[in-house]
């Protein structure tokens, strides 16, 4: 099992920046995959950015060039740097951790609200 604690959400003006943090309760070295998702009322949760196999990253087209996912293994923390924020980025952002053994299981943070005003 893994617990995820998120922080960094808030209200920001369009064009501004925020950095989200996700602290895991265990070494992220032992977690097979981690990433960020977001959800707006009336819409399905969508992938924002994630680490995938081989340490590669994957981003939603809508955030490419603006958002950057990173990690600090020593701090068991994954970050999402969000620049050039747009009103359409407004959503609840969730940290995700995936374990694949003994079978595939997803763990989620509590979610943090990001609101971008125009």
Protein backbone atom coordinates (compact mmCIF):
# COMPACT_ATOMS: atom_id res chain seq x y z
CA UNK A 1 0.00 0.00 0.00
CA UNK A 2 1.01 3.60 -0.48
CA UNK A 3 -0.40 6.81 0.89
CA UNK A 4 -0.12 9.97 -1.17
CA UNK A 5 -0.21 13.47 0.29
CA UNK A 6 -0.68 16.33 -2.15
CA UNK A 7 -0.02 20.02 -1.74
CA UNK A 8 0.46 23.16 -3.80
CA UNK A 9 -2.96 23.78 -5.25
CA UNK A 10 -4.66 27.13 -5.10
CA UNK A 11 -5.93 30.12 -7.01
CA UNK A 12 -3.75 31.72 -9.65
CA UNK A 13 -4.14 34.28 -12.41
CA UNK A 14 -4.01 33.13 -16.01
CA UNK A 15 -0.41 33.00 -17.16
CA UNK A 16 0.83 32.25 -13.67
CA UNK A 17 2.51 29.20 -12.24
CA UNK A 18 1.98 26.62 -9.53
CA UNK A 19 3.95 23.61 -8.38
CA UNK A 20 2.12 20.60 -7.05
CA UNK A 21 3.83 18.11 -4.75
CA UNK A 22 2.94 14.51 -4.02
CA UNK A 23 4.71 12.86 -1.10
CA UNK A 24 4.52 9.08 -0.97
CA UNK A 25 4.57 6.98 2.19
CA UNK A 26 7.12 4.57 0.74
CA UNK A 27 10.10 4.79 -1.52
CA UNK A 28 8.97 5.77 -4.98
CA UNK A 29 11.72 3.51 -6.25
CA UNK A 30 9.41 0.65 -5.26
CA UNK A 31 6.42 2.17 -7.05
CA UNK A 32 6.10 1.03 -10.63
CA UNK A 33 4.55 4.19 -12.02
CA UNK A 34 3.47 7.60 -10.78
CA UNK A 35 1.69 10.50 -12.37
CA UNK A 36 -0.84 13.29 -12.22
CA UNK A 37 -4.44 13.30 -13.35
CA UNK A 38 -7.14 15.94 -13.24
CA UNK A 39 -10.89 16.01 -13.22
CA UNK A 40 -13.43 18.74 -13.90
CA UNK A 41 -17.06 18.45 -12.89
CA UNK A 42 -18.96 16.62 -15.59
CA UNK A 43 -15.84 15.19 -17.19
CA UNK A 44 -13.86 12.01 -16.74
CA UNK A 45 -10.54 12.02 -14.98
CA UNK A 46 -7.80 12.56 -17.52
CA UNK A 47 -4.08 12.01 -17.56
CA UNK A 48 -1.96 15.12 -17.21
CA UNK A 49 1.57 13.80 -16.89
CA UNK A 50 3.09 10.49 -15.86
CA UNK A 51 6.29 8.54 -15.59
CA UNK A 52 6.06 5.42 -17.72
CA UNK A 53 8.31 2.45 -18.43
CA UNK A 54 12.00 3.15 -18.67
CA UNK A 55 11.62 6.39 -16.74
CA UNK A 56 10.08 8.11 -19.72
CA UNK A 57 7.42 10.77 -19.34
CA UNK A 58 4.10 11.19 -21.03
CA UNK A 59 2.02 14.37 -21.20
CA UNK A 60 -1.44 15.25 -22.31
CA UNK A 61 -1.33 17.26 -25.52
CA UNK A 62 -3.07 20.14 -23.80
CA UNK A 63 -0.21 20.64 -21.32
CA UNK A 64 2.86 19.84 -23.41
CA UNK A 65 5.40 22.61 -23.22
CA UNK A 66 3.75 24.12 -20.15
CA UNK A 67 3.80 21.40 -17.47
CA UNK A 68 6.76 19.37 -16.27
CA UNK A 69 6.69 16.27 -14.09
CA UNK A 70 9.72 15.53 -11.95
CA UNK A 71 10.69 13.45 -8.94
CA UNK A 72 13.00 13.43 -5.98
CA UNK A 73 13.67 9.86 -4.92
CA UNK A 74 15.36 10.91 -1.67
CA UNK A 75 12.22 12.79 -0.62
CA UNK A 76 9.79 10.20 -1.99
CA UNK A 77 8.12 13.05 -3.82
CA UNK A 78 6.78 13.69 -7.30
CA UNK A 79 6.21 17.22 -8.56
CA UNK A 80 4.16 18.86 -11.24
CA UNK A 81 5.42 22.27 -12.32
CA UNK A 82 2.63 24.13 -14.09
CA UNK A 83 3.52 27.24 -16.07
CA UNK A 84 1.50 29.49 -18.35
CA UNK A 85 -1.68 28.36 -16.68
CA UNK A 86 -4.96 28.77 -18.52
CA UNK A 87 -8.52 28.90 -17.21
CA UNK A 88 -9.15 25.54 -18.84
CA UNK A 89 -6.52 24.05 -16.53
CA UNK A 90 -8.93 24.57 -13.65
CA UNK A 91 -9.62 21.17 -12.12
CA UNK A 92 -9.02 18.92 -9.16
CA UNK A 93 -5.59 17.39 -9.58
CA UNK A 94 -4.87 13.89 -8.29
CA UNK A 95 -1.60 12.12 -7.70
CA UNK A 96 -1.54 8.50 -8.81
CA UNK A 97 0.71 5.60 -7.88
CA UNK A 98 0.55 2.21 -9.53
CA UNK A 99 1.80 -1.08 -8.17
CA UNK A 100 1.85 -4.11 -10.43
CA UNK A 101 2.48 -6.90 -7.92
CA UNK A 102 0.84 -9.09 -6.76
CA UNK A 103 -1.57 -7.55 -9.24
CA UNK A 104 -2.12 -4.12 -10.69
CA UNK A 105 -3.46 -1.62 -8.16
CA UNK A 106 -3.85 2.15 -8.39
CA UNK A 107 -3.60 4.45 -5.38
CA UNK A 108 -4.80 8.04 -5.40
CA UNK A 109 -4.19 11.17 -3.42
CA UNK A 110 -7.04 13.17 -1.96
CA UNK A 111 -6.98 15.68 -4.78
CA UNK A 112 -6.02 19.34 -4.72
CA UNK A 113 -8.00 22.13 -6.34
CA UNK A 114 -6.33 24.30 -8.94
CA UNK A 115 -8.31 27.34 -10.05
CA UNK A 116 -7.06 29.62 -12.81
CA UNK A 117 -8.82 32.95 -13.15
CA UNK A 118 -8.92 35.09 -16.26
